[in-house]
């Protein structure tokens, strides 16, 4: 299963069920996850982890 099909299926779920309020939550969680992964092992990591 490709990432594109997962995104398409998620969009279809949001559209059919009228759950558009889920989109900002999923985007913020994805951005926070990407921030943690990208800063892991860098000099900025201790400052990022103090936010949580």
N, C-alpha and C. Protein backbone atom coordinates (compact mmCIF):
# COMPACT_ATOMS: atom_id res chain seq x y z
N UNK A 1 0.84 -1.17 0.00
CA UNK A 1 0.00 0.00 0.00
C UNK A 1 0.90 1.24 0.00
N UNK A 2 0.72 2.11 -0.94
CA UNK A 2 1.58 3.28 -1.05
C UNK A 2 1.06 4.42 -0.17
N UNK A 3 1.94 5.38 0.09
CA UNK A 3 1.56 6.53 0.91
C UNK A 3 0.48 7.35 0.24
N UNK A 4 0.53 7.40 -1.09
CA UNK A 4 -0.45 8.18 -1.82
C UNK A 4 -1.84 7.59 -1.65
N UNK A 5 -1.96 6.28 -1.66
CA UNK A 5 -3.28 5.68 -1.50
C UNK A 5 -3.81 5.86 -0.08
N UNK A 6 -2.92 5.89 0.90
CA UNK A 6 -3.36 6.14 2.28
C UNK A 6 -3.90 7.56 2.40
N UNK A 7 -3.19 8.52 1.79
CA UNK A 7 -3.65 9.90 1.83
C UNK A 7 -4.98 10.06 1.09
N UNK A 8 -5.12 9.38 -0.04
CA UNK A 8 -6.37 9.46 -0.80
C UNK A 8 -7.53 8.84 -0.01
N UNK A 9 -7.26 7.74 0.65
CA UNK A 9 -8.30 7.10 1.45
C UNK A 9 -8.69 7.96 2.64
N UNK A 10 -7.70 8.61 3.27
CA UNK A 10 -7.98 9.50 4.38
C UNK A 10 -8.81 10.69 3.92
N UNK A 11 -8.45 11.26 2.77
CA UNK A 11 -9.22 12.39 2.24
C UNK A 11 -10.65 11.97 1.92
N UNK A 12 -10.81 10.78 1.36
CA UNK A 12 -12.15 10.27 1.06
C UNK A 12 -12.97 10.11 2.33
N UNK A 13 -12.35 9.61 3.39
CA UNK A 13 -13.02 9.47 4.68
C UNK A 13 -13.47 10.84 5.19
N UNK A 14 -12.57 11.84 5.12
CA UNK A 14 -12.93 13.17 5.59
C UNK A 14 -14.08 13.76 4.78
N UNK A 15 -14.04 13.55 3.49
CA UNK A 15 -15.05 14.13 2.61
C UNK A 15 -16.41 13.48 2.81
N UNK A 16 -16.45 12.16 2.92
CA UNK A 16 -17.72 11.44 3.03
C UNK A 16 -18.33 11.64 4.42
N UNK A 17 -17.51 11.53 5.45
CA UNK A 17 -18.02 11.62 6.83
C UNK A 17 -18.13 13.04 7.35
N UNK A 18 -17.71 14.03 6.55
CA UNK A 18 -17.75 15.44 6.95
C UNK A 18 -16.97 15.68 8.24
N UNK A 19 -15.79 15.10 8.33
CA UNK A 19 -14.93 15.23 9.51
C UNK A 19 -13.73 16.11 9.19
N UNK A 20 -13.97 17.28 8.62
CA UNK A 20 -12.87 18.15 8.20
C UNK A 20 -12.09 18.71 9.38
N UNK A 21 -12.66 18.67 10.57
CA UNK A 21 -11.96 19.16 11.75
C UNK A 21 -10.79 18.27 12.13
N UNK A 22 -10.73 17.04 11.60
CA UNK A 22 -9.62 16.14 11.87
C UNK A 22 -8.35 16.54 11.12
N UNK A 23 -8.50 17.23 10.02
CA UNK A 23 -7.36 17.57 9.17
C UNK A 23 -6.31 18.42 9.90
N UNK A 24 -6.67 19.50 10.60
CA UNK A 24 -5.64 20.27 11.30
C UNK A 24 -4.95 19.47 12.40
N UNK A 25 -5.67 18.60 13.07
CA UNK A 25 -5.08 17.78 14.12
C UNK A 25 -4.04 16.84 13.54
N UNK A 26 -4.37 16.19 12.45
CA UNK A 26 -3.44 15.26 11.81
C UNK A 26 -2.22 16.01 11.26
N UNK A 27 -2.42 17.19 10.70
CA UNK A 27 -1.30 17.97 10.18
C UNK A 27 -0.35 18.41 11.29
N UNK A 28 -0.90 18.87 12.41
CA UNK A 28 -0.05 19.30 13.53
C UNK A 28 0.71 18.12 14.11
N UNK A 29 0.06 16.98 14.27
CA UNK A 29 0.76 15.80 14.77
C UNK A 29 1.86 15.36 13.81
N UNK A 30 1.60 15.43 12.52
CA UNK A 30 2.63 15.08 11.54
C UNK A 30 3.80 16.04 11.57
N UNK A 31 3.53 17.34 11.71
CA UNK A 31 4.61 18.32 11.77
C UNK A 31 5.44 18.16 13.05
N UNK A 32 4.79 17.90 14.17
CA UNK A 32 5.54 17.68 15.41
C UNK A 32 6.39 16.42 15.32
N UNK A 33 5.85 15.37 14.73
CA UNK A 33 6.62 14.15 14.55
C UNK A 33 7.81 14.37 13.64
N UNK A 34 7.62 15.11 12.57
CA UNK A 34 8.72 15.40 11.65
C UNK A 34 9.78 16.27 12.34
N UNK A 35 9.34 17.22 13.17
CA UNK A 35 10.28 18.07 13.91
C UNK A 35 11.15 17.23 14.84
N UNK A 36 10.55 16.30 15.53
CA UNK A 36 11.31 15.45 16.46
C UNK A 36 12.28 14.55 15.70
N UNK A 37 11.84 13.98 14.60
CA UNK A 37 12.71 13.09 13.81
C UNK A 37 13.86 13.86 13.18
N UNK A 38 13.59 15.03 12.64
CA UNK A 38 14.62 15.78 11.94
C UNK A 38 15.65 16.41 12.89
N UNK A 39 15.24 16.74 14.11
CA UNK A 39 16.18 17.36 15.04
C UNK A 39 16.87 16.34 15.94
N UNK A 40 16.54 15.09 15.81
CA UNK A 40 17.17 14.07 16.63
C UNK A 40 18.64 13.96 16.25
N UNK A 41 19.49 14.06 17.25
CA UNK A 41 20.92 13.95 17.00
C UNK A 41 21.57 15.26 16.63
N UNK A 42 20.85 16.34 16.63
CA UNK A 42 21.46 17.63 16.32
C UNK A 42 21.65 18.43 17.61
N UNK A 43 22.30 19.57 17.50
CA UNK A 43 22.54 20.43 18.66
C UNK A 43 21.26 21.10 19.14
N UNK A 44 20.23 21.11 18.31
CA UNK A 44 18.98 21.76 18.66
C UNK A 44 18.07 20.83 19.49
N UNK A 45 18.35 19.55 19.49
CA UNK A 45 17.48 18.57 20.13
C UNK A 45 17.17 18.88 21.60
N UNK A 46 18.13 19.25 22.45
CA UNK A 46 17.78 19.53 23.85
C UNK A 46 16.77 20.67 23.98
N UNK A 47 16.81 21.65 23.08
CA UNK A 47 15.89 22.77 23.16
C UNK A 47 14.50 22.38 22.68
N UNK A 48 14.42 21.49 21.72
CA UNK A 48 13.13 21.01 21.22
C UNK A 48 12.43 20.19 22.28
N UNK A 49 13.17 19.31 22.97
CA UNK A 49 12.57 18.43 23.96
C UNK A 49 12.09 19.18 25.19
N UNK A 50 12.62 20.38 25.45
CA UNK A 50 12.11 21.15 26.58
C UNK A 50 10.72 21.70 26.31
N UNK A 51 10.33 21.78 25.06
CA UNK A 51 8.98 22.24 24.73
C UNK A 51 7.91 21.24 25.12
N UNK A 52 8.29 19.97 25.20
CA UNK A 52 7.32 18.94 25.50
C UNK A 52 7.47 18.52 26.94
